[in-house]
C-alpha atoms as a PDB file:
ATOM      1  CA  MET A   1       0.090   0.077   0.053  1.00  0.00           C
ATOM      2  CA  THR A   2       1.311   3.235  -0.919  1.00  0.00           C
ATOM      3  CA  PHE A   3       0.463   6.969  -0.465  1.00  0.00           C
ATOM      4  CA  VAL A   4       1.739   9.731  -2.472  1.00  0.00           C
ATOM      5  CA  ARG A   5       1.168  13.621  -1.517  1.00  0.00           C
ATOM      6  CA  ILE A   6      -0.322  15.767  -4.312  1.00  0.00           C
ATOM      7  CA  GLY A   7      -1.252  19.284  -3.590  1.00  0.00           C
ATOM      8  CA  GLY A   8      -0.933  18.655   0.187  1.00  0.00           C
ATOM      9  CA  VAL A   9      -3.422  15.565   0.113  1.00  0.00           C
ATOM     10  CA  ALA A  10      -2.496  12.046   0.677  1.00  0.00           C
ATOM     11  CA  HIS A  11      -3.488   9.864  -2.281  1.00  0.00           C
ATOM     12  CA  HIS A  12      -3.617   6.026  -2.034  1.00  0.00           C
ATOM     13  CA  VAL A  13      -2.271   4.389  -5.066  1.00  0.00           C
ATOM     14  CA  LEU A  14      -1.409   0.681  -6.199  1.00  0.00           C
ATOM     15  CA  VAL A  15       1.066  -0.021  -8.924  1.00  0.00           C
ATOM     16  CA  GLN A  16       1.169  -3.747 -10.280  1.00  0.00           C
ATOM     17  CA  GLY A  17       2.482  -5.626 -13.399  1.00  0.00           C
ATOM     18  CA  SER A  18       5.102  -4.548 -16.149  1.00  0.00           C
ATOM     19  CA  GLY A  19       5.169  -2.850 -19.438  1.00  0.00           C
ATOM     20  CA  PRO A  20       3.561   0.351 -20.567  1.00  0.00           C
ATOM     21  CA  VAL A  21       1.707   2.324 -18.070  1.00  0.00           C
ATOM     22  CA  CYS A  22      -2.094   2.207 -17.742  1.00  0.00           C
ATOM     23  CA  VAL A  23      -4.017   4.445 -15.357  1.00  0.00           C
ATOM     24  CA  LEU A  24      -7.248   3.229 -14.105  1.00  0.00           C
ATOM     25  CA  SER A  25      -9.832   5.616 -12.500  1.00  0.00           C
ATOM     26  CA  ALA A  26     -13.261   4.410 -11.160  1.00  0.00           C
ATOM     27  CA  GLY A  27     -16.490   6.463 -10.979  1.00  0.00           C
ATOM     28  CA  LEU A  28     -18.203   8.327  -8.426  1.00  0.00           C
ATOM     29  CA  GLY A  29     -17.839   6.829  -4.774  1.00  0.00           C
ATOM     30  CA  LEU A  30     -15.564   3.901  -6.047  1.00  0.00           C
ATOM     31  CA  SER A  31     -12.468   2.739  -4.824  1.00  0.00           C
ATOM     32  CA  TRP A  32      -9.370   1.068  -6.090  1.00  0.00           C
ATOM     33  CA  PHE A  33     -10.598  -2.476  -5.380  1.00  0.00           C
ATOM     34  CA  ASP A  34     -13.215  -2.062  -7.781  1.00  0.00           C
ATOM     35  CA  TRP A  35     -10.987  -2.786 -10.703  1.00  0.00           C
ATOM     36  CA  GLU A  36      -9.613  -5.923  -8.957  1.00  0.00           C
ATOM     37  CA  ARG A  37     -11.275  -8.347 -11.709  1.00  0.00           C
ATOM     38  CA  VAL A  38      -9.652  -6.249 -14.496  1.00  0.00           C
ATOM     39  CA  VAL A  39      -6.072  -6.092 -12.979  1.00  0.00           C
ATOM     40  CA  PRO A  40      -4.774  -9.679 -13.552  1.00  0.00           C
ATOM     41  CA  LEU A  41      -5.875  -9.548 -17.170  1.00  0.00           C
ATOM     42  CA  LEU A  42      -3.674  -6.415 -17.705  1.00  0.00           C
ATOM     43  CA  THR A  43      -0.589  -6.847 -15.438  1.00  0.00           C
ATOM     44  CA  PRO A  44       0.849  -9.412 -17.666  1.00  0.00           C
ATOM     45  CA  HIS A  45       1.034  -6.831 -20.465  1.00  0.00           C
ATOM     46  CA  ARG A  46       0.975  -3.264 -18.546  1.00  0.00           C
ATOM     47  CA  THR A  47       2.038  -1.527 -15.556  1.00  0.00           C
ATOM     48  CA  VAL A  48      -1.267  -0.811 -14.065  1.00  0.00           C
ATOM     49  CA  VAL A  49      -1.820   2.289 -11.636  1.00  0.00           C
ATOM     50  CA  ARG A  50      -4.885   2.350  -9.550  1.00  0.00           C
ATOM     51  CA  PHE A  51      -5.582   5.439  -7.396  1.00  0.00           C
ATOM     52  CA  ASP A  52      -8.361   6.738  -5.212  1.00  0.00           C
ATOM     53  CA  ARG A  53      -9.042  10.395  -5.830  1.00  0.00           C
ATOM     54  CA  PRO A  54      -9.597  12.592  -2.892  1.00  0.00           C
ATOM     55  CA  GLY A  55     -12.380  11.694  -0.439  1.00  0.00           C
ATOM     56  CA  HIS A  56     -12.657   8.125  -2.211  1.00  0.00           C
ATOM     57  CA  GLY A  57     -11.074   4.829  -1.053  1.00  0.00           C
ATOM     58  CA  LEU A  58      -8.299   5.471   1.349  1.00  0.00           C
ATOM     59  CA  SER A  59      -7.186   9.035   0.045  1.00  0.00           C
ATOM     60  CA  ALA A  60      -7.402  12.033   2.134  1.00  0.00           C
ATOM     61  CA  PRO A  61     -10.361  14.582   1.820  1.00  0.00           C
ATOM     62  CA  ALA A  62     -10.113  17.027  -1.151  1.00  0.00           C
ATOM     63  CA  ALA A  63      -8.475  20.262  -0.245  1.00  0.00           C
ATOM     64  CA  ALA A  64     -10.323  22.021  -3.250  1.00  0.00           C
ATOM     65  CA  PRO A  65     -13.375  21.742  -5.519  1.00  0.00           C
ATOM     66  CA  THR A  66     -13.365  19.253  -8.266  1.00  0.00           C
ATOM     67  CA  THR A  67     -12.522  20.448 -11.888  1.00  0.00           C
ATOM     68  CA  ALA A  68     -11.885  18.673 -15.048  1.00  0.00           C
ATOM     69  CA  THR A  69      -8.475  20.698 -15.453  1.00  0.00           C
ATOM     70  CA  GLY A  70      -7.529  19.802 -11.574  1.00  0.00           C
ATOM     71  CA  GLU A  71      -8.288  16.073 -12.316  1.00  0.00           C
ATOM     72  CA  ALA A  72      -6.297  15.936 -15.475  1.00  0.00           C
ATOM     73  CA  HIS A  73      -3.316  17.605 -13.702  1.00  0.00           C
ATOM     74  CA  ARG A  74      -3.951  15.285 -10.519  1.00  0.00           C
ATOM     75  CA  ILE A  75      -3.368  12.233 -12.734  1.00  0.00           C
ATOM     76  CA  ALA A  76      -0.148  13.918 -14.332  1.00  0.00           C
ATOM     77  CA  ALA A  77       0.940  15.016 -10.933  1.00  0.00           C
ATOM     78  CA  LEU A  78       0.387  11.323  -9.712  1.00  0.00           C
ATOM     79  CA  LEU A  79       2.547   9.707 -12.292  1.00  0.00           C
ATOM     80  CA  ASP A  80       5.341  12.259 -11.481  1.00  0.00           C
ATOM     81  CA  ALA A  81       5.249  11.331  -7.980  1.00  0.00           C
ATOM     82  CA  LEU A  82       5.522   7.629  -8.357  1.00  0.00           C
ATOM     83  CA  PRO A  83       9.002   5.983  -7.969  1.00  0.00           C
ATOM     84  CA  GLY A  84      10.768   5.916 -11.556  1.00  0.00           C
ATOM     85  CA  PRO A  85      11.212   1.955 -11.502  1.00  0.00           C
ATOM     86  CA  ALA A  86       7.719   1.375 -10.739  1.00  0.00           C
ATOM     87  CA  THR A  87       6.279   3.473 -13.948  1.00  0.00           C
ATOM     88  CA  PRO A  88       8.149   3.158 -17.237  1.00  0.00           C
ATOM     89  CA  PRO A  89       8.581   6.423 -19.095  1.00  0.00           C
ATOM     90  CA  GLY A  90       6.479   7.239 -21.893  1.00  0.00           C
ATOM     91  CA  PRO A  91       2.847   8.030 -22.748  1.00  0.00           C
ATOM     92  CA  VAL A  92       0.225   6.272 -20.915  1.00  0.00           C
ATOM     93  CA  THR A  93      -3.078   4.582 -21.418  1.00  0.00           C
ATOM     94  CA  VAL A  94      -5.686   6.341 -19.404  1.00  0.00           C
ATOM     95  CA  VAL A  95      -8.877   4.903 -18.617  1.00  0.00           C
ATOM     96  CA  GLY A  96     -11.942   6.469 -16.831  1.00  0.00           C
ATOM     97  CA  HIS A  97     -15.162   5.012 -15.789  1.00  0.00           C
ATOM     98  CA  SER A  98     -18.347   7.032 -15.387  1.00  0.00           C
ATOM     99  CA  ILE A  99     -17.460  10.467 -13.968  1.00  0.00           C
ATOM    100  CA  ALA A 100     -13.947   9.692 -14.378  1.00  0.00           C
ATOM    101  CA  GLY A 101     -14.353   9.691 -18.127  1.00  0.00           C
ATOM    102  CA  PHE A 102     -14.412  13.528 -18.005  1.00  0.00           C
ATOM    103  CA  HIS A 103     -11.239  13.286 -16.031  1.00  0.00           C
ATOM    104  CA  ALA A 104      -9.547  10.956 -18.387  1.00  0.00           C
ATOM    105  CA  GLU A 105     -10.687  12.923 -21.534  1.00  0.00           C
ATOM    106  CA  ALA A 106      -9.336  16.120 -20.044  1.00  0.00           C
ATOM    107  CA  PHE A 107      -5.748  14.599 -19.250  1.00  0.00           C
ATOM    108  CA  ALA A 108      -5.678  13.526 -22.924  1.00  0.00           C
ATOM    109  CA  ARG A 109      -6.294  17.174 -23.958  1.00  0.00           C
ATOM    110  CA  LEU A 110      -4.349  18.722 -21.781  1.00  0.00           C
ATOM    111  CA  HIS A 111      -1.530  16.027 -21.817  1.00  0.00           C
ATOM    112  CA  PRO A 112      -1.356  15.065 -25.273  1.00  0.00           C
ATOM    113  CA  ASP A 113       2.237  14.252 -25.190  1.00  0.00           C
ATOM    114  CA  ARG A 114       1.846  11.990 -22.201  1.00  0.00           C
ATOM    115  CA  THR A 115      -1.338  10.076 -23.841  1.00  0.00           C
ATOM    116  CA  ALA A 116      -0.829   6.686 -25.585  1.00  0.00           C
ATOM    117  CA  HIS A 117      -4.580   5.816 -25.510  1.00  0.00           C
ATOM    118  CA  LEU A 118      -7.911   6.758 -24.168  1.00  0.00           C
ATOM    119  CA  VAL A 119     -10.436   4.391 -22.882  1.00  0.00           C
ATOM    120  CA  LEU A 120     -13.722   5.692 -21.747  1.00  0.00           C
ATOM    121  CA  VAL A 121     -15.937   2.942 -19.706  1.00  0.00           C
ATOM    122  CA  ASP A 122     -19.422   3.508 -19.903  1.00  0.00           C
ATOM    123  CA  SER A 123     -18.493   7.266 -19.438  1.00  0.00           C
ATOM    124  CA  SER A 124     -20.560  10.007 -18.276  1.00  0.00           C
ATOM    125  CA  VAL A 125     -22.204  12.067 -21.024  1.00  0.00           C
ATOM    126  CA  GLU A 126     -23.638  15.717 -20.694  1.00  0.00           C
ATOM    127  CA  GLU A 127     -24.582  17.550 -24.128  1.00  0.00           C
ATOM    128  CA  ARG A 128     -26.009  20.558 -22.240  1.00  0.00           C
ATOM    129  CA  PRO A 129     -24.765  20.435 -18.332  1.00  0.00           C
ATOM    130  CA  ARG A 130     -25.895  22.521 -15.768  1.00  0.00           C
ATOM    131  CA  THR A 131     -23.881  24.492 -13.608  1.00  0.00           C
ATOM    132  CA  LEU A 132     -25.397  25.468 -10.314  1.00  0.00           C
ATOM    133  CA  ALA A 133     -22.255  24.205  -8.841  1.00  0.00           C
ATOM    134  CA  ARG A 134     -21.976  26.745  -5.883  1.00  0.00           C
ATOM    135  CA  THR A 135     -25.391  26.051  -4.597  1.00  0.00           C
ATOM    136  CA  TYR A 136     -25.003  22.430  -4.798  1.00  0.00           C
ATOM    137  CA  SER A 137     -21.788  22.263  -3.233  1.00  0.00           C
ATOM    138  CA  GLY A 138     -22.995  24.342  -0.430  1.00  0.00           C
ATOM    139  CA  THR A 139     -26.033  21.947   0.215  1.00  0.00           C
ATOM    140  CA  ALA A 140     -23.738  19.066  -0.431  1.00  0.00           C
ATOM    141  CA  ARG A 141     -21.551  20.307   2.405  1.00  0.00           C
ATOM    142  CA  VAL A 142     -24.309  20.638   4.713  1.00  0.00           C
ATOM    143  CA  ALA A 143     -25.955  17.434   4.054  1.00  0.00           C
ATOM    144  CA  ALA A 144     -22.648  15.676   4.427  1.00  0.00           C
ATOM    145  CA  ALA A 145     -21.883  17.473   7.870  1.00  0.00           C
ATOM    146  CA  VAL A 146     -25.447  16.583   9.141  1.00  0.00           C
ATOM    147  CA  LEU A 147     -25.374  12.683   7.997  1.00  0.00           C
ATOM    148  CA  SER A 148     -21.873  12.323   9.454  1.00  0.00           C
ATOM    149  CA  ALA A 149     -22.889  13.987  12.731  1.00  0.00           C
ATOM    150  CA  ALA A 150     -25.786  11.707  13.043  1.00  0.00           C
ATOM    151  CA  GLY A 151     -23.483   8.620  12.326  1.00  0.00           C
ATOM    152  CA  VAL A 152     -25.122   7.621   9.007  1.00  0.00           C
ATOM    153  CA  PRO A 153     -21.814   6.611   7.362  1.00  0.00           C
ATOM    154  CA  ALA A 154     -20.985   4.126  10.014  1.00  0.00           C
ATOM    155  CA  ALA A 155     -24.275   2.584  10.539  1.00  0.00           C
ATOM    156  CA  LEU A 156     -25.439   2.380   6.668  1.00  0.00           C
ATOM    157  CA  GLY A 157     -22.259   3.059   4.646  1.00  0.00           C
ATOM    158  CA  PRO A 158     -21.558  -0.629   3.977  1.00  0.00           C
ATOM    159  CA  ALA A 159     -25.171  -1.522   3.505  1.00  0.00           C
ATOM    160  CA  VAL A 160     -25.634   1.415   0.904  1.00  0.00           C
ATOM    161  CA  ARG A 161     -22.639  -0.009  -0.998  1.00  0.00           C
ATOM    162  CA  ARG A 162     -23.833  -3.638  -0.978  1.00  0.00           C
ATOM    163  CA  ALA A 163     -27.256  -2.364  -2.341  1.00  0.00           C
ATOM    164  CA  ALA A 164     -25.735  -0.071  -5.066  1.00  0.00           C
ATOM    165  CA  VAL A 165     -23.309  -2.915  -6.402  1.00  0.00           C
ATOM    166  CA  ARG A 166     -25.001  -6.202  -7.293  1.00  0.00           C
ATOM    167  CA  HIS A 167     -23.066  -9.166  -6.745  1.00  0.00           C
ATOM    168  CA  ASP A 168     -20.492  -7.073  -4.952  1.00  0.00           C
ATOM    169  CA  PRO A 169     -17.207  -9.145  -4.952  1.00  0.00           C
ATOM    170  CA  ALA A 170     -15.170  -6.915  -2.718  1.00  0.00           C
ATOM    171  CA  PRO A 171     -14.083  -8.263   0.353  1.00  0.00           C
ATOM    172  CA  ALA A 172     -16.534  -7.141   3.433  1.00  0.00           C
ATOM    173  CA  ALA A 173     -13.522  -6.016   5.515  1.00  0.00           C
ATOM    174  CA  LEU A 174     -12.627  -3.660   2.781  1.00  0.00           C
ATOM    175  CA  VAL A 175     -16.138  -2.421   2.274  1.00  0.00           C
ATOM    176  CA  ARG A 176     -16.256  -1.714   6.014  1.00  0.00           C
ATOM    177  CA  ARG A 177     -13.159  -0.115   6.003  1.00  0.00           C
ATOM    178  CA  VAL A 178     -13.940   2.206   3.341  1.00  0.00           C
ATOM    179  CA  TYR A 179     -17.543   3.083   3.561  1.00  0.00           C
ATOM    180  CA  ARG A 180     -17.989   3.365   7.501  1.00  0.00           C
ATOM    181  CA  THR A 181     -16.102   6.574   7.146  1.00  0.00           C
ATOM    182  CA  SER A 182     -17.651  10.057   6.809  1.00  0.00           C
ATOM    183  CA  ARG A 183     -14.666  11.171   4.689  1.00  0.00           C
ATOM    184  CA  VAL A 184     -16.236   9.012   1.741  1.00  0.00           C
ATOM    185  CA  LEU A 185     -19.633  10.239   2.120  1.00  0.00           C
ATOM    186  CA  ARG A 186     -18.507  13.616   2.128  1.00  0.00           C
ATOM    187  CA  GLY A 187     -16.138  12.771  -0.940  1.00  0.00           C
ATOM    188  CA  ALA A 188     -18.859  11.459  -3.091  1.00  0.00           C
ATOM    189  CA  LEU A 189     -21.463  14.280  -2.335  1.00  0.00           C
ATOM    190  CA  LEU A 190     -18.876  16.919  -3.054  1.00  0.00           C
ATOM    191  CA  GLU A 191     -17.719  15.471  -6.107  1.00  0.00           C
ATOM    192  CA  ASN A 192     -21.402  14.807  -7.393  1.00  0.00           C
ATOM    193  CA  ALA A 193     -22.222  18.455  -6.497  1.00  0.00           C
ATOM    194  CA  ARG A 194     -19.626  19.701  -9.035  1.00  0.00           C
ATOM    195  CA  TYR A 195     -20.727  17.131 -11.758  1.00  0.00           C
ATOM    196  CA  GLY A 196     -22.455  19.900 -13.802  1.00  0.00           C
ATOM    197  CA  ALA A 197     -19.672  22.422 -13.732  1.00  0.00           C
ATOM    198  CA  VAL A 198     -17.178  19.702 -14.559  1.00  0.00           C
ATOM    199  CA  ALA A 199     -18.988  18.696 -17.587  1.00  0.00           C
ATOM    200  CA  ALA A 200     -19.296  22.157 -18.828  1.00  0.00           C
ATOM    201  CA  GLU A 201     -15.610  22.698 -18.392  1.00  0.00           C
ATOM    202  CA  LEU A 202     -14.830  19.541 -20.587  1.00  0.00           C
ATOM    203  CA  LEU A 203     -17.093  21.047 -23.201  1.00  0.00           C
ATOM    204  CA  ASP A 204     -14.773  24.023 -23.195  1.00  0.00           C
ATOM    205  CA  LEU A 205     -11.708  22.000 -23.145  1.00  0.00           C
ATOM    206  CA  ARG A 206     -12.935  19.977 -26.378  1.00  0.00           C
ATOM    207  CA  ALA A 207     -13.137  23.489 -28.037  1.00  0.00           C
ATOM    208  CA  ALA A 208      -9.820  24.725 -26.969  1.00  0.00           C
ATOM    209  CA  HIS A 209      -7.679  21.475 -27.010  1.00  0.00           C
ATOM    210  CA  PRO A 210      -8.222  19.160 -29.626  1.00  0.00           C
ATOM    211  CA  LEU A 211      -7.165  15.560 -29.157  1.00  0.00           C
ATOM    212  CA  PRO A 212      -3.914  14.566 -30.679  1.00  0.00           C
ATOM    213  CA  PRO A 213      -4.334  13.696 -34.225  1.00  0.00           C
ATOM    214  CA  GLY A 214      -4.361   9.802 -34.561  1.00  0.00           C
ATOM    215  CA  LEU A 215      -4.914   9.186 -30.904  1.00  0.00           C
ATOM    216  CA  PRO A 216      -6.753   5.585 -30.256  1.00  0.00           C
ATOM    217  CA  VAL A 217      -9.902   6.196 -28.545  1.00  0.00           C
ATOM    218  CA  THR A 218     -12.392   3.807 -27.357  1.00  0.00           C
ATOM    219  CA  VAL A 219     -15.926   4.414 -25.982  1.00  0.00           C
ATOM    220  CA  LEU A 220     -16.815   0.978 -24.002  1.00  0.00           C
ATOM    221  CA  ALA A 221     -20.498   1.252 -23.471  1.00  0.00           C
ATOM    222  CA  ALA A 222     -22.822  -0.697 -21.309  1.00  0.00           C
ATOM    223  CA  PRO A 223     -26.293  -0.035 -22.913  1.00  0.00           C
ATOM    224  CA  ASP A 224     -28.147  -2.540 -20.903  1.00  0.00           C
ATOM    225  CA  GLY A 225     -31.163  -2.468 -22.875  1.00  0.00           C
ATOM    226  CA  SER A 226     -31.198   1.493 -23.126  1.00  0.00           C
ATOM    227  CA  ALA A 227     -31.723   2.638 -26.640  1.00  0.00           C
ATOM    228  CA  ARG A 228     -31.247   6.062 -25.532  1.00  0.00           C
ATOM    229  CA  TRP A 229     -27.955   5.566 -23.610  1.00  0.00           C
ATOM    230  CA  GLU A 230     -26.727   3.482 -26.469  1.00  0.00           C
ATOM    231  CA  ARG A 231     -27.397   6.309 -28.634  1.00  0.00           C
ATOM    232  CA  ARG A 232     -25.634   8.957 -26.506  1.00  0.00           C
ATOM    233  CA  GLN A 233     -22.504   6.632 -25.922  1.00  0.00           C
ATOM    234  CA  ARG A 234     -22.267   6.323 -29.753  1.00  0.00           C
ATOM    235  CA  ALA A 235     -22.671   9.895 -30.632  1.00  0.00           C
ATOM    236  CA  LEU A 236     -19.951  10.551 -27.903  1.00  0.00           C
ATOM    237  CA  ALA A 237     -17.659   8.046 -29.914  1.00  0.00           C
ATOM    238  CA  ARG A 238     -18.319   9.909 -33.078  1.00  0.00           C
ATOM    239  CA  ARG A 239     -17.605  13.090 -31.404  1.00  0.00           C
ATOM    240  CA  LEU A 240     -14.329  12.008 -30.354  1.00  0.00           C
ATOM    241  CA  GLY A 241     -13.593  10.096 -33.406  1.00  0.00           C
ATOM    242  CA  ALA A 242     -13.465   6.707 -31.294  1.00  0.00           C
ATOM    243  CA  SER A 243     -14.276   3.028 -31.847  1.00  0.00           C
ATOM    244  CA  TYR A 244     -17.502   2.003 -30.089  1.00  0.00           C
ATOM    245  CA  GLU A 245     -17.792  -1.067 -28.300  1.00  0.00           C
ATOM    246  CA  ALA A 246     -20.555  -2.424 -26.385  1.00  0.00           C
ATOM    247  CA  ALA A 247     -20.284  -4.447 -23.335  1.00  0.00           C
ATOM    248  CA  VAL A 248     -23.057  -7.145 -23.404  1.00  0.00           C
ATOM    249  CA  PRO A 249     -24.415  -8.096 -21.086  1.00  0.00           C
ATOM    250  CA  SER A 250     -23.275  -5.599 -18.433  1.00  0.00           C
ATOM    251  CA  GLY A 251     -24.562  -3.233 -16.144  1.00  0.00           C
ATOM    252  CA  HIS A 252     -22.826   0.372 -15.378  1.00  0.00           C
ATOM    253  CA  LEU A 253     -19.981  -1.321 -13.414  1.00  0.00           C
ATOM    254  CA  VAL A 254     -18.258  -2.812 -16.362  1.00  0.00           C
ATOM    255  CA  MET A 255     -15.116  -3.529 -14.711  1.00  0.00           C
ATOM    256  CA  LEU A 256     -16.989  -5.943 -12.364  1.00  0.00           C
ATOM    257  CA  ASP A 257     -19.537  -7.337 -14.868  1.00  0.00           C
ATOM    258  CA  ARG A 258     -17.236  -7.511 -17.897  1.00  0.00           C
ATOM    259  CA  PRO A 259     -13.571  -7.402 -16.961  1.00  0.00           C
ATOM    260  CA  ASP A 260     -12.724  -9.065 -20.220  1.00  0.00           C
ATOM    261  CA  ALA A 261     -14.384  -6.500 -22.146  1.00  0.00           C
ATOM    262  CA  VAL A 262     -12.379  -3.560 -20.411  1.00  0.00           C
ATOM    263  CA  ALA A 263      -9.074  -5.383 -20.711  1.00  0.00           C
ATOM    264  CA  ARG A 264      -9.554  -6.074 -24.402  1.00  0.00           C
ATOM    265  CA  ALA A 265     -10.431  -2.415 -25.142  1.00  0.00           C
ATOM    266  CA  VAL A 266      -7.193  -1.290 -23.230  1.00  0.00           C
ATOM    267  CA  LEU A 267      -4.750  -3.967 -24.824  1.00  0.00           C
ATOM    268  CA  ARG A 268      -6.509  -3.554 -28.400  1.00  0.00           C
ATOM    269  CA  ALA A 269      -5.620  -0.076 -28.518  1.00  0.00           C
ATOM    270  CA  GLY A 270      -2.121  -0.762 -27.894  1.00  0.00           C
ATOM    271  CA  GLN A 271      -2.046  -3.316 -30.667  1.00  0.00           C
ATOM    272  CA  GLU A 272      -3.769  -0.920 -33.171  1.00  0.00           C
ATOM    273  CA  ALA A 273      -1.232   1.939 -32.259  1.00  0.00           C
ATOM    274  CA  ALA A 274       1.665  -0.716 -32.765  1.00  0.00           C
END
């Protein structure tokens, strides 16, 4: 277990495997162990970097509100902070699930020279985001404080996790360790409150910072029977000049339901680039 300090905040990070670097970032409220089924499929071919964003997993609380630019720079700073032998030099594959798809795309746009491939796993999509972030952030902070003072995380945190993640493979001890804390409740609520602002910022980044020409991009979607969601994911792929793949059957947590599909998307991008 390793912790690196970025912007004064301790970040939990785990590095495994060998070969070119692949960075995995999970969705809202999730933790490093949610990639556990994908990692053994990648480590024979990739150095896999998993990390918890502030207020998630075992990382310390956030010191500043979430922004797309900030999350892109966080990934870059994380790579810079890791020991040299643990992370080979060269551009990386960045994989973002759900809301972390915003962050991964922002990294590719702001750090094009450090990006080898971009893989979006059932990424969040917002064509016309709402940006009432200041109001929502204030409400989220108050709600988090009230719920934490009432002991809700300790009493219900693991149960909420189990209800949200069907057939949860995570060890019960890890779920209790992470989700009984008020830190994770606060982290999830505050990041969610910034969702619209981050989505709007990403639209601006798309206009100002085009993706590198020829960058392999994969949109791996989990339509799960929703024609509307599939249309939006396909539209995202067209907008990014990406290849589109559907993980069927799978729910939103593709890394748990179809780890093989995630691994194939990551490894295929490298093969096509070669």
